[in-house]
Amino acid sequence: MQKAIALAPLLAVLGCSPAPQVAIDEPDPELNLLGGYRSGDDECRRAGESAFTIDFLDDAADLVACPTGSADAASLAATLPAQMVTQTQSYTLYSVARR
């Protein structure tokens, strides 16, 4: 009973915070994908400007698109200061700080 009472404030706060919407439930938007981000054979690619990416571009960071769930995506997130900004049906987009 005491555990339930102790958890009540936490559950109330969690219930008030809307979950961030990071995925879209539509066909993949047009992505302007450039060469491999870390090497030529990297599945993660730098994403250039497009109607979809314009709101995620930053002059102090690279916008990188990786196939969702790929080993390269996991490696990127584990080894670089990569922050996930959104997802499409096929790609996860990360903002990777350059500085």
C-alpha atoms as a PDB file:
ATOM      1  CA  MET A   1       0.000   0.000   0.000  1.00  0.00           C
ATOM      2  CA  GLN A   2       2.819   2.406   0.870  1.00  0.00           C
ATOM      3  CA  LYS A   3       4.462   1.702  -2.507  1.00  0.00           C
ATOM      4  CA  ALA A   4       1.245   2.576  -4.302  1.00  0.00           C
ATOM      5  CA  ILE A   5       0.976   5.846  -2.393  1.00  0.00           C
ATOM      6  CA  ALA A   6       4.621   6.673  -3.101  1.00  0.00           C
ATOM      7  CA  LEU A   7       4.147   6.026  -6.831  1.00  0.00           C
ATOM      8  CA  ALA A   8       0.972   8.102  -7.131  1.00  0.00           C
ATOM      9  CA  PRO A   9       2.722  11.505  -7.584  1.00  0.00           C
ATOM     10  CA  LEU A  10       5.068  10.026 -10.175  1.00  0.00           C
ATOM     11  CA  LEU A  11       2.204   8.504 -12.119  1.00  0.00           C
ATOM     12  CA  ALA A  12       0.304  11.791 -11.985  1.00  0.00           C
ATOM     13  CA  VAL A  13       3.253  13.679 -13.468  1.00  0.00           C
ATOM     14  CA  LEU A  14       3.813  11.065 -16.157  1.00  0.00           C
ATOM     15  CA  GLY A  15       0.158  11.176 -17.075  1.00  0.00           C
ATOM     16  CA  CYS A  16       0.333  14.936 -17.645  1.00  0.00           C
ATOM     17  CA  SER A  17       3.277  14.872 -20.027  1.00  0.00           C
ATOM     18  CA  PRO A  18       2.309  14.138 -23.616  1.00  0.00           C
ATOM     19  CA  ALA A  19       4.566  11.645 -25.349  1.00  0.00           C
ATOM     20  CA  PRO A  20       6.728  13.315 -28.013  1.00  0.00           C
ATOM     21  CA  GLN A  21       5.620  12.522 -31.518  1.00  0.00           C
ATOM     22  CA  VAL A  22       8.728  11.299 -33.317  1.00  0.00           C
ATOM     23  CA  ALA A  23       7.298   9.074 -36.014  1.00  0.00           C
ATOM     24  CA  ILE A  24       4.974   9.741 -38.889  1.00  0.00           C
ATOM     25  CA  ASP A  25       2.483   7.224 -40.125  1.00  0.00           C
ATOM     26  CA  GLU A  26       2.702   8.151 -43.804  1.00  0.00           C
ATOM     27  CA  PRO A  27       4.845   7.091 -46.752  1.00  0.00           C
ATOM     28  CA  ASP A  28       8.456   8.231 -46.540  1.00  0.00           C
ATOM     29  CA  PRO A  29       8.824  11.891 -47.453  1.00  0.00           C
ATOM     30  CA  GLU A  30      11.334  12.866 -50.077  1.00  0.00           C
ATOM     31  CA  LEU A  31      14.732  12.852 -48.409  1.00  0.00           C
ATOM     32  CA  ASN A  32      17.765  14.356 -50.095  1.00  0.00           C
ATOM     33  CA  LEU A  33      20.320  11.744 -48.966  1.00  0.00           C
ATOM     34  CA  LEU A  34      23.998  12.367 -49.641  1.00  0.00           C
ATOM     35  CA  GLY A  35      27.013  10.025 -49.282  1.00  0.00           C
ATOM     36  CA  GLY A  36      27.763   7.773 -46.318  1.00  0.00           C
ATOM     37  CA  TYR A  37      28.123   9.813 -43.136  1.00  0.00           C
ATOM     38  CA  ARG A  38      31.170   8.187 -41.546  1.00  0.00           C
ATOM     39  CA  SER A  39      32.449   6.286 -44.591  1.00  0.00           C
ATOM     40  CA  GLY A  40      31.397   5.478 -48.135  1.00  0.00           C
ATOM     41  CA  ASP A  41      29.686   2.221 -47.143  1.00  0.00           C
ATOM     42  CA  ASP A  42      27.899   3.644 -44.068  1.00  0.00           C
ATOM     43  CA  GLU A  43      24.124   3.104 -44.276  1.00  0.00           C
ATOM     44  CA  CYS A  44      23.708   6.378 -42.372  1.00  0.00           C
ATOM     45  CA  ARG A  45      23.741   9.272 -44.792  1.00  0.00           C
ATOM     46  CA  ARG A  46      23.816  13.013 -44.408  1.00  0.00           C
ATOM     47  CA  ALA A  47      20.368  14.455 -45.146  1.00  0.00           C
ATOM     48  CA  GLY A  48      20.259  17.622 -47.200  1.00  0.00           C
ATOM     49  CA  GLU A  49      17.578  20.269 -47.284  1.00  0.00           C
ATOM     50  CA  SER A  50      14.086  19.260 -48.369  1.00  0.00           C
ATOM     51  CA  ALA A  51      10.554  20.260 -47.441  1.00  0.00           C
ATOM     52  CA  PHE A  52      10.590  17.526 -44.773  1.00  0.00           C
ATOM     53  CA  THR A  53      14.021  18.242 -43.259  1.00  0.00           C
ATOM     54  CA  ILE A  54      13.973  22.059 -43.238  1.00  0.00           C
ATOM     55  CA  ASP A  55      12.790  22.263 -39.612  1.00  0.00           C
ATOM     56  CA  PHE A  56      15.510  19.882 -38.392  1.00  0.00           C
ATOM     57  CA  LEU A  57      18.549  21.508 -40.026  1.00  0.00           C
ATOM     58  CA  ASP A  58      21.005  23.321 -37.760  1.00  0.00           C
ATOM     59  CA  ASP A  59      24.172  25.207 -38.679  1.00  0.00           C
ATOM     60  CA  ALA A  60      26.021  23.616 -35.721  1.00  0.00           C
ATOM     61  CA  ALA A  61      24.981  20.021 -36.443  1.00  0.00           C
ATOM     62  CA  ASP A  62      24.724  17.493 -39.242  1.00  0.00           C
ATOM     63  CA  LEU A  63      21.349  15.959 -40.020  1.00  0.00           C
ATOM     64  CA  VAL A  64      21.892  12.239 -40.514  1.00  0.00           C
ATOM     65  CA  ALA A  65      19.356   9.665 -41.748  1.00  0.00           C
ATOM     66  CA  CYS A  66      19.877   6.001 -40.854  1.00  0.00           C
ATOM     67  CA  PRO A  67      17.691   3.041 -41.775  1.00  0.00           C
ATOM     68  CA  THR A  68      15.563   2.490 -38.682  1.00  0.00           C
ATOM     69  CA  GLY A  69      16.833  -0.410 -36.600  1.00  0.00           C
ATOM     70  CA  SER A  70      20.067  -0.850 -38.558  1.00  0.00           C
ATOM     71  CA  ALA A  71      23.397  -1.685 -36.944  1.00  0.00           C
ATOM     72  CA  ASP A  72      24.805   1.559 -38.340  1.00  0.00           C
ATOM     73  CA  ALA A  73      22.020   3.528 -36.621  1.00  0.00           C
ATOM     74  CA  ALA A  74      22.810   1.857 -33.297  1.00  0.00           C
ATOM     75  CA  SER A  75      26.520   2.535 -33.790  1.00  0.00           C
ATOM     76  CA  LEU A  76      25.896   6.191 -34.642  1.00  0.00           C
ATOM     77  CA  ALA A  77      23.757   6.709 -31.544  1.00  0.00           C
ATOM     78  CA  ALA A  78      26.286   4.931 -29.314  1.00  0.00           C
ATOM     79  CA  THR A  79      29.472   6.610 -30.549  1.00  0.00           C
ATOM     80  CA  LEU A  80      28.528  10.173 -31.490  1.00  0.00           C
ATOM     81  CA  PRO A  81      26.561  12.979 -29.808  1.00  0.00           C
ATOM     82  CA  ALA A  82      23.535  12.063 -31.923  1.00  0.00           C
ATOM     83  CA  GLN A  83      20.071  13.173 -30.849  1.00  0.00           C
ATOM     84  CA  MET A  84      17.086  11.564 -32.564  1.00  0.00           C
ATOM     85  CA  VAL A  85      14.838  14.264 -34.023  1.00  0.00           C
ATOM     86  CA  THR A  86      12.195  12.302 -35.962  1.00  0.00           C
ATOM     87  CA  GLN A  87      11.390   9.078 -37.767  1.00  0.00           C
ATOM     88  CA  THR A  88       9.781   8.147 -41.045  1.00  0.00           C
ATOM     89  CA  GLN A  89       8.566   4.702 -42.035  1.00  0.00           C
ATOM     90  CA  SER A  90      12.103   3.690 -43.080  1.00  0.00           C
ATOM     91  CA  TYR A  91      14.555   6.170 -41.555  1.00  0.00           C
ATOM     92  CA  THR A  92      15.479   7.625 -38.193  1.00  0.00           C
ATOM     93  CA  LEU A  93      16.903  11.140 -38.420  1.00  0.00           C
ATOM     94  CA  TYR A  94      19.543  12.327 -35.972  1.00  0.00           C
ATOM     95  CA  SER A  95      21.060  15.707 -35.296  1.00  0.00           C
ATOM     96  CA  VAL A  96      24.801  15.198 -34.718  1.00  0.00           C
ATOM     97  CA  ALA A  97      26.577  18.151 -33.117  1.00  0.00           C
ATOM     98  CA  ARG A  98      29.755  19.191 -34.929  1.00  0.00           C
ATOM     99  CA  ARG A  99      31.199  21.139 -31.995  1.00  0.00           C
END
